[in-house]
Amino acid sequence: MSEETEPRPASDAVGTASADGAEPILEVTDLVKHFPIKAGILIDHEIGAVKAVDGVSFSVNRGETLGLVGESGCGKSTLSRAILQLIEPTSGSVRFDGREITGLSRGEMRKLRPQMQMVFQDPYSSLNPRKRVAQIVGDPMKLHGIVPRGGAVKAVQELLERVGLNPEHYNRFPHEFSGGQRQRIGIARALSLNPKLIIADEPVSALDVSIQAQIINLLEDLQEELDLTYVFVAHDLGVVRHVADRIAVMYLGKIVELGPAAEVYANPIHPYTLSLLSAVPIPDPRANAARKQIVLEGDVPSPADPPEACRFHTRCPFATDVCSVEDPPLIDHGGGHFAACHHPLDAGGKPRAAEALPSPA
């Protein structure tokens, strides 16, 4: 951040408009999802809550890919399901295509389901082992009353071919396919209703590295071909950098940094983002040994009892007294790059982030 750029508090809808004024298709404002902790023998009573998602705000523009990253257990999958109303949010707002969808009835949400689809993390458990591929991919069309030209079988075969599978295999069961092929079936199922938005919840984390590249390339090709909008959830920043236009970094149920992908990778502002980037391996052993890798101390606190104020202060190497007293707001540091930190890395004589980052090459 240059000296001439004065950081300012973020607006209620963080990142609502892109630099070119693109219209947002998804707007999430102060979304909260708490799971109650109950105890009792005869009568359960609430003794606490797991704060899985605790006040998250962001937006996604049409045709954009937003990468949502963070450690396991930070609330990424819960946030994804709360956005799609697969689980009911505790509070907050989700607007899809200009319409508020929180609080809609089952029937109203059913009408919106074709436009919002999800690709799940585990290609093994997300497919019904008792159903053939023709049923898995074709049932959504049947349930929503969509009658494709040429019949359902032809439509399924065309979808299988589009995702890189043999269309003649529509009559097989999921166990007859490899992990990467099963994930392609899951993608075909998501595409069967011609959606506008797809939330991909760690779609490549269970796959081999070579298969990961194929699935990522497939998702990029489909986005360009069908004008899709993605929320791409992952814990590996090395994967997200290849697909995301913007990146949101989550820690313990909150977004701590949000900005253009290239800017977040080149100049991270939050210490947690820097620690994630420094963990990305470099193929060159000499370059890997030369950089200053940041190793966080301690374990991730429990979301049932998160630290007061800044949730990262118990592990942050730059934390001071103010971090344990005051919760830092999400501040715009210029160019749509937001961060929630009392001690941003580009200020106060902190070591330059480039010393710990992998080379863009």
Protein backbone atom coordinates (compact mmCIF):
# COMPACT_ATOMS: atom_id res chain seq x y z
CA MET A 1 0.00 0.00 0.00
CA SER A 2 1.45 3.37 -0.97
CA GLU A 3 1.65 6.26 1.49
CA GLU A 4 -0.88 8.24 -0.60
CA THR A 5 -3.53 5.52 -0.27
CA GLU A 6 -5.53 5.92 2.93
CA PRO A 7 -7.28 2.75 4.08
CA ARG A 8 -11.01 3.10 4.62
CA PRO A 9 -13.67 0.92 6.25
CA ALA A 10 -15.40 -1.53 3.97
CA SER A 11 -19.01 -0.99 3.00
CA ASP A 12 -21.76 -3.38 4.04
CA ALA A 13 -21.50 -5.28 0.74
CA VAL A 14 -17.81 -6.02 0.49
CA GLY A 15 -16.61 -6.12 -3.07
CA THR A 16 -20.05 -5.58 -4.52
CA ALA A 17 -18.83 -4.01 -7.75
CA SER A 18 -15.85 -4.98 -9.79
CA ALA A 19 -13.46 -2.54 -11.41
CA ASP A 20 -15.41 -2.70 -14.69
CA GLY A 21 -18.77 -2.24 -12.96
CA ALA A 22 -19.97 -5.82 -13.45
CA GLU A 23 -23.30 -6.70 -11.88
CA PRO A 24 -23.19 -9.06 -8.87
CA ILE A 25 -25.17 -12.27 -9.16
CA LEU A 26 -24.58 -13.26 -5.51
CA GLU A 27 -24.52 -10.91 -2.51
CA VAL A 28 -23.87 -12.25 0.99
CA THR A 29 -24.25 -9.83 3.90
CA ASP A 30 -23.44 -10.56 7.57
CA LEU A 31 -24.24 -14.26 7.16
CA VAL A 32 -24.18 -16.21 10.41
CA LYS A 33 -24.57 -19.93 11.08
CA HIS A 34 -24.29 -21.16 14.67
CA PHE A 35 -24.87 -24.79 15.63
CA PRO A 36 -26.27 -25.11 19.19
CA ILE A 37 -24.48 -27.27 21.74
CA LYS A 38 -27.02 -29.02 23.92
CA ALA A 39 -26.78 -31.05 27.10
CA GLY A 40 -29.23 -32.76 29.41
CA ILE A 41 -30.66 -36.16 30.26
CA LEU A 42 -34.42 -35.72 29.98
CA ILE A 43 -34.64 -32.18 28.61
CA ASP A 44 -31.96 -30.73 26.37
CA HIS A 45 -30.88 -27.21 27.07
CA GLU A 46 -28.45 -25.10 25.07
CA ILE A 47 -25.10 -24.56 26.76
CA GLY A 48 -23.24 -22.94 23.88
CA ALA A 49 -22.86 -22.75 20.13
CA VAL A 50 -20.35 -23.69 17.44
CA LYS A 51 -19.81 -20.46 15.53
CA ALA A 52 -19.08 -22.04 12.16
CA VAL A 53 -19.86 -18.88 10.16
CA ASP A 54 -19.88 -15.61 12.08
CA GLY A 55 -20.70 -12.52 10.04
CA VAL A 56 -19.46 -13.07 6.48
CA SER A 57 -20.01 -10.52 3.69
CA PHE A 58 -18.94 -10.66 0.05
CA SER A 59 -20.35 -10.62 -3.46
CA VAL A 60 -19.65 -12.45 -6.71
CA ASN A 61 -20.03 -10.83 -10.11
CA ARG A 62 -21.52 -12.55 -13.15
CA GLY A 63 -19.01 -14.73 -14.96
CA GLU A 64 -16.48 -14.41 -12.13
CA THR A 65 -14.74 -17.06 -10.05
CA LEU A 66 -14.37 -16.29 -6.36
CA GLY A 67 -11.87 -18.54 -4.56
CA LEU A 68 -12.79 -19.25 -0.94
CA VAL A 69 -9.79 -20.59 0.97
CA GLY A 70 -8.76 -21.44 4.50
CA GLU A 71 -7.73 -24.27 6.80
CA SER A 72 -9.98 -27.26 7.37
CA GLY A 73 -12.65 -26.38 9.91
CA CYS A 74 -12.73 -22.65 9.16
CA GLY A 75 -16.35 -22.77 7.95
CA LYS A 76 -15.99 -22.89 4.16
CA SER A 77 -18.33 -25.83 3.55
CA THR A 78 -20.89 -24.55 6.07
CA LEU A 79 -20.86 -21.18 4.34
CA SER A 80 -21.38 -22.85 0.96
CA ARG A 81 -24.39 -24.81 2.18
CA ALA A 82 -25.86 -21.79 3.95
CA ILE A 83 -25.64 -19.75 0.75
CA LEU A 84 -27.62 -22.40 -1.13
CA GLN A 85 -30.04 -22.72 1.83
CA LEU A 86 -29.18 -26.42 2.20
CA ILE A 87 -28.83 -25.49 5.86
CA GLU A 88 -30.81 -22.60 7.31
CA PRO A 89 -28.64 -19.60 8.29
CA THR A 90 -28.94 -18.27 11.83
CA SER A 91 -29.09 -14.70 10.51
CA GLY A 92 -27.89 -12.54 7.65
CA SER A 93 -28.82 -11.99 4.03
CA VAL A 94 -28.21 -13.88 0.78
CA ARG A 95 -29.35 -12.23 -2.45
CA PHE A 96 -29.22 -14.24 -5.67
CA ASP A 97 -29.77 -12.49 -8.99
CA GLY A 98 -31.23 -9.50 -7.14
CA ARG A 99 -33.64 -11.55 -5.01
CA GLU A 100 -33.47 -12.21 -1.28
CA ILE A 101 -33.51 -15.99 -0.77
CA THR A 102 -33.09 -16.35 2.99
CA GLY A 103 -36.42 -17.22 4.53
CA LEU A 104 -37.98 -18.51 1.32
CA SER A 105 -40.30 -21.49 1.62
CA ARG A 106 -39.36 -24.92 0.30
CA GLY A 107 -41.56 -24.47 -2.73
CA GLU A 108 -40.05 -21.09 -3.58
CA MET A 109 -36.51 -22.41 -3.17
CA ARG A 110 -37.36 -25.39 -5.38
CA LYS A 111 -38.08 -22.99 -8.24
CA LEU A 112 -34.64 -21.40 -7.77
CA ARG A 113 -32.66 -24.64 -7.42
CA PRO A 114 -32.02 -25.09 -11.17
CA GLN A 115 -30.12 -21.78 -11.21
CA MET A 116 -27.90 -22.62 -8.19
CA GLN A 117 -26.05 -25.92 -8.14
CA MET A 118 -23.23 -27.52 -6.16
CA VAL A 119 -20.33 -29.83 -6.92
CA PHE A 120 -19.44 -31.75 -3.76
CA GLN A 121 -16.04 -32.58 -2.36
CA ASP A 122 -16.15 -36.36 -2.24
CA PRO A 123 -16.90 -37.98 -5.62
CA TYR A 124 -17.44 -41.32 -3.86
CA SER A 125 -20.14 -40.39 -1.36
CA SER A 126 -21.90 -37.70 -3.42
CA LEU A 127 -23.23 -40.23 -5.98
CA ASN A 128 -25.92 -42.79 -5.17
CA PRO A 129 -24.22 -46.19 -5.62
CA ARG A 130 -27.57 -47.85 -6.42
CA LYS A 131 -28.35 -45.61 -9.37
CA ARG A 132 -26.97 -45.68 -12.88
CA VAL A 133 -25.34 -42.60 -14.39
CA ALA A 134 -28.40 -41.99 -16.58
CA GLN A 135 -30.51 -41.67 -13.42
CA ILE A 136 -27.98 -39.59 -11.48
CA VAL A 137 -27.63 -37.01 -14.25
CA GLY A 138 -31.18 -37.25 -15.60
CA ASP A 139 -33.21 -37.24 -12.38
CA PRO A 140 -32.77 -33.47 -11.74
CA MET A 141 -34.34 -32.75 -15.13
CA LYS A 142 -37.20 -35.13 -14.34
CA LEU A 143 -37.80 -33.63 -10.88
CA HIS A 144 -37.97 -30.08 -12.27
CA GLY A 145 -40.15 -31.01 -15.21
CA ILE A 146 -37.55 -30.31 -17.89
CA VAL A 147 -38.15 -32.27 -21.09
CA PRO A 148 -35.02 -32.05 -23.27
CA ARG A 149 -35.17 -32.32 -27.03
CA GLY A 150 -34.45 -35.83 -28.21
CA GLY A 151 -35.27 -37.34 -24.82
CA ALA A 152 -33.53 -37.68 -21.47
CA VAL A 153 -31.07 -40.37 -22.57
CA LYS A 154 -29.72 -38.21 -25.41
CA ALA A 155 -29.43 -35.21 -23.06
CA VAL A 156 -27.48 -37.30 -20.52
CA GLN A 157 -25.14 -38.60 -23.22
CA GLU A 158 -24.49 -35.06 -24.44
CA LEU A 159 -23.69 -33.93 -20.91
CA LEU A 160 -21.33 -36.86 -20.36
CA GLU A 161 -19.53 -36.03 -23.59
CA ARG A 162 -19.31 -32.37 -22.59
CA VAL A 163 -17.51 -33.24 -19.35
CA GLY A 164 -15.10 -35.63 -21.08
CA LEU A 165 -16.74 -39.02 -20.50
CA ASN A 166 -17.79 -41.70 -22.95
CA PRO A 167 -21.49 -41.10 -23.67
CA GLU A 168 -22.00 -44.85 -24.07
CA HIS A 169 -21.29 -45.33 -20.36
CA TYR A 170 -24.57 -43.75 -19.27
CA ASN A 171 -25.86 -47.15 -18.14
CA ARG A 172 -23.00 -47.89 -15.73
CA PHE A 173 -22.96 -47.60 -11.95
CA PRO A 174 -20.66 -45.15 -10.07
CA HIS A 175 -18.39 -47.93 -8.75
CA GLU A 176 -17.35 -48.69 -12.34
CA PHE A 177 -15.60 -45.30 -12.65
CA SER A 178 -12.41 -43.82 -11.21
CA GLY A 179 -12.41 -40.88 -8.76
CA GLY A 180 -11.80 -38.30 -11.47
CA GLN A 181 -14.54 -39.78 -13.65
CA ARG A 182 -16.97 -39.73 -10.74
CA GLN A 183 -16.26 -36.05 -10.19
CA ARG A 184 -17.00 -35.45 -13.87
CA ILE A 185 -20.35 -37.18 -13.34
CA GLY A 186 -21.00 -34.82 -10.42
CA ILE A 187 -20.21 -31.86 -12.66
CA ALA A 188 -22.53 -33.22 -15.36
CA ARG A 189 -25.30 -33.53 -12.76
CA ALA A 190 -24.77 -29.89 -11.74
CA LEU A 191 -24.93 -28.79 -15.40
CA SER A 192 -28.10 -30.76 -16.17
CA LEU A 193 -30.37 -27.89 -15.08
CA ASN A 194 -28.39 -25.18 -16.92
CA PRO A 195 -27.45 -23.19 -13.79
CA LYS A 196 -26.12 -19.64 -13.50
CA LEU A 197 -24.09 -20.25 -10.31
CA ILE A 198 -22.07 -23.30 -9.27
CA ILE A 199 -20.50 -23.64 -5.83
CA ALA A 200 -17.64 -26.14 -6.09
CA ASP A 201 -16.83 -27.37 -2.57
CA GLU A 202 -13.21 -28.57 -2.79
CA PRO A 203 -13.92 -30.44 -6.05
CA VAL A 204 -10.31 -31.61 -6.54
CA SER A 205 -9.02 -32.20 -3.00
CA ALA A 206 -9.77 -35.96 -3.12
CA LEU A 207 -8.11 -36.46 -6.52
CA ASP A 208 -4.58 -37.13 -7.73
CA VAL A 209 -2.55 -34.11 -8.82
CA SER A 210 -2.70 -34.99 -12.53
CA ILE A 211 -6.48 -35.47 -12.32
CA GLN A 212 -6.82 -32.18 -10.42
CA ALA A 213 -5.38 -30.32 -13.41
CA GLN A 214 -7.83 -32.02 -15.78
CA ILE A 215 -10.85 -31.13 -13.61
CA ILE A 216 -9.69 -27.52 -13.20
CA ASN A 217 -9.22 -27.17 -16.96
CA LEU A 218 -12.66 -28.69 -17.51
CA LEU A 219 -14.29 -26.20 -15.11
CA GLU A 220 -12.56 -23.29 -16.85
CA ASP A 221 -13.67 -24.48 -20.28
CA LEU A 222 -17.26 -24.93 -19.09
CA GLN A 223 -17.27 -21.45 -17.55
CA GLU A 224 -16.21 -19.86 -20.82
CA GLU A 225 -18.60 -21.98 -22.88
CA LEU A 226 -21.69 -21.65 -20.66
CA ASP A 227 -21.07 -18.26 -19.00
CA LEU A 228 -21.03 -19.76 -15.51
CA THR A 229 -20.24 -18.08 -12.21
CA TYR A 230 -18.20 -20.06 -9.66
CA VAL A 231 -17.53 -19.99 -5.95
CA PHE A 232 -14.51 -22.29 -5.79
CA VAL A 233 -13.87 -23.59 -2.27
CA ALA A 234 -10.43 -25.00 -1.43
CA HIS A 235 -7.76 -25.16 1.24
CA ASP A 236 -4.88 -25.16 -1.27
CA LEU A 237 -3.91 -21.69 -2.47
CA GLY A 238 -1.74 -23.27 -5.14
CA VAL A 239 -4.87 -24.70 -6.78
CA VAL A 240 -7.03 -21.60 -6.38
CA ARG A 241 -4.54 -19.26 -8.04
CA HIS A 242 -5.15 -20.99 -11.38
CA VAL A 243 -8.93 -20.49 -11.41
CA ALA A 244 -9.91 -17.52 -9.24
CA ASP A 245 -10.43 -13.90 -10.28
CA ARG A 246 -10.73 -12.84 -6.63
CA ILE A 247 -9.83 -14.63 -3.41
CA ALA A 248 -11.52 -14.56 0.00
CA VAL A 249 -9.49 -15.97 2.91
CA MET A 250 -11.44 -17.39 5.88
CA TYR A 251 -10.27 -18.03 9.43
CA LEU A 252 -12.55 -19.36 12.18
CA GLY A 253 -15.80 -18.33 10.52
CA LYS A 254 -14.73 -14.88 9.36
CA ILE A 255 -13.23 -13.44 6.18
CA VAL A 256 -9.86 -11.89 7.03
CA GLU A 257 -8.76 -10.88 3.52
CA LEU A 258 -10.49 -10.37 0.18
CA GLY A 259 -9.16 -9.03 -3.08
CA PRO A 260 -8.05 -9.64 -6.67
CA ALA A 261 -6.21 -12.95 -6.95
CA ALA A 262 -3.00 -11.49 -8.39
CA GLU A 263 -2.87 -8.81 -5.69
CA VAL A 264 -3.55 -11.23 -2.82
CA TYR A 265 -0.76 -13.53 -4.04
CA ALA A 266 1.77 -10.78 -4.72
CA ASN A 267 1.02 -8.51 -1.73
CA PRO A 268 -0.89 -10.27 1.06
CA ILE A 269 -1.94 -7.90 3.83
CA HIS A 270 -3.11 -10.27 6.58
CA PRO A 271 -0.48 -12.40 8.38
CA TYR A 272 -2.70 -15.48 8.08
CA THR A 273 -2.80 -15.15 4.29
CA LEU A 274 0.98 -14.84 4.24
CA SER A 275 1.35 -18.00 6.32
CA LEU A 276 -0.90 -19.91 3.89
CA LEU A 277 1.08 -18.67 0.90
CA SER A 278 4.41 -19.50 2.49
CA ALA A 279 3.23 -23.11 2.86
CA VAL A 280 2.73 -23.49 -0.90
CA PRO A 281 5.61 -25.74 -2.04
CA ILE A 282 8.11 -24.62 -4.68
CA PRO A 283 9.40 -27.28 -7.11
CA ASP A 284 12.96 -25.88 -6.91
CA PRO A 285 14.53 -27.18 -3.64
CA ARG A 286 17.04 -24.30 -3.52
CA ALA A 287 14.37 -21.64 -3.89
CA ASN A 288 12.23 -23.43 -1.32
CA ALA A 289 15.09 -23.45 1.19
CA ALA A 290 15.98 -19.80 0.53
CA ARG A 291 12.60 -18.31 1.39
CA LYS A 292 11.48 -17.48 4.92
CA GLN A 293 8.71 -19.95 5.61
CA ILE A 294 6.25 -18.90 8.29
CA VAL A 295 5.18 -21.64 10.69
CA LEU A 296 2.20 -20.79 12.87
CA GLU A 297 2.42 -21.80 16.52
CA GLY A 298 -0.35 -23.56 18.37
CA ASP A 299 -3.53 -25.21 17.15
CA VAL A 300 -6.57 -23.63 15.56
CA PRO A 301 -8.91 -22.57 18.40
CA SER A 302 -12.28 -24.26 18.71
CA PRO A 303 -15.15 -22.50 16.91
CA ALA A 304 -17.22 -23.29 20.00
CA ASP A 305 -14.96 -20.97 22.01
CA PRO A 306 -13.17 -18.62 19.60
CA PRO A 307 -10.73 -16.01 20.92
CA GLU A 308 -12.08 -12.57 21.74
CA ALA A 309 -11.53 -9.69 19.32
CA CYS A 310 -9.19 -10.74 16.49
CA ARG A 311 -9.55 -14.50 16.24
CA PHE A 312 -6.06 -14.90 14.81
CA HIS A 313 -4.21 -13.07 17.60
CA THR A 314 -3.41 -16.27 19.54
CA ARG A 315 -1.23 -17.48 16.64
CA CYS A 316 -0.17 -14.20 15.00
CA PRO A 317 3.55 -13.27 15.23
CA PHE A 318 2.68 -9.55 15.05
CA ALA A 319 -0.12 -9.50 17.66
CA THR A 320 -0.20 -6.75 20.31
CA ASP A 321 -2.56 -5.92 23.16
CA VAL A 322 -5.09 -4.21 20.89
CA CYS A 323 -5.57 -7.47 18.97
CA SER A 324 -7.04 -9.21 22.02
CA VAL A 325 -9.32 -6.28 22.86
CA GLU A 326 -10.68 -4.87 19.61
CA ASP A 327 -12.06 -6.82 16.64
CA PRO A 328 -10.46 -5.37 13.49
CA PRO A 329 -12.90 -4.27 10.77
CA LEU A 330 -12.50 -5.31 7.15
CA ILE A 331 -10.65 -2.32 5.66
CA ASP A 332 -10.28 -1.43 1.98
CA HIS A 333 -6.56 -0.92 1.33
CA GLY A 334 -7.14 0.21 -2.24
CA GLY A 335 -8.02 -1.53 -5.48
CA GLY A 336 -10.72 -3.63 -3.86
CA HIS A 337 -8.17 -5.32 -1.58
CA PHE A 338 -9.72 -5.76 1.89
CA ALA A 339 -8.13 -7.04 5.08
CA ALA A 340 -9.15 -7.24 8.76
CA CYS A 341 -5.94 -6.64 10.67
CA HIS A 342 -4.65 -4.08 13.19
CA HIS A 343 -1.10 -4.60 11.88
CA PRO A 344 -1.24 -5.02 8.09
CA LEU A 345 1.91 -6.44 6.52
CA ASP A 346 2.56 -3.49 4.25
CA ALA A 347 2.80 -1.04 7.15
CA GLY A 348 4.84 -0.49 10.30
CA GLY A 349 8.13 -1.89 9.03
CA LYS A 350 6.92 -5.48 8.73
CA PRO A 351 9.13 -7.79 6.66
CA ARG A 352 8.15 -7.75 3.00
CA ALA A 353 5.80 -10.58 2.13
CA ALA A 354 7.83 -11.40 -1.00
CA GLU A 355 10.53 -12.99 1.15
CA ALA A 356 8.18 -15.83 2.10
CA LEU A 357 6.19 -16.20 -1.09
CA PRO A 358 6.65 -18.72 -3.88
CA SER A 359 7.75 -17.38 -7.22
CA PRO A 360 4.90 -16.65 -9.67
CA ALA A 361 6.74 -18.88 -12.18
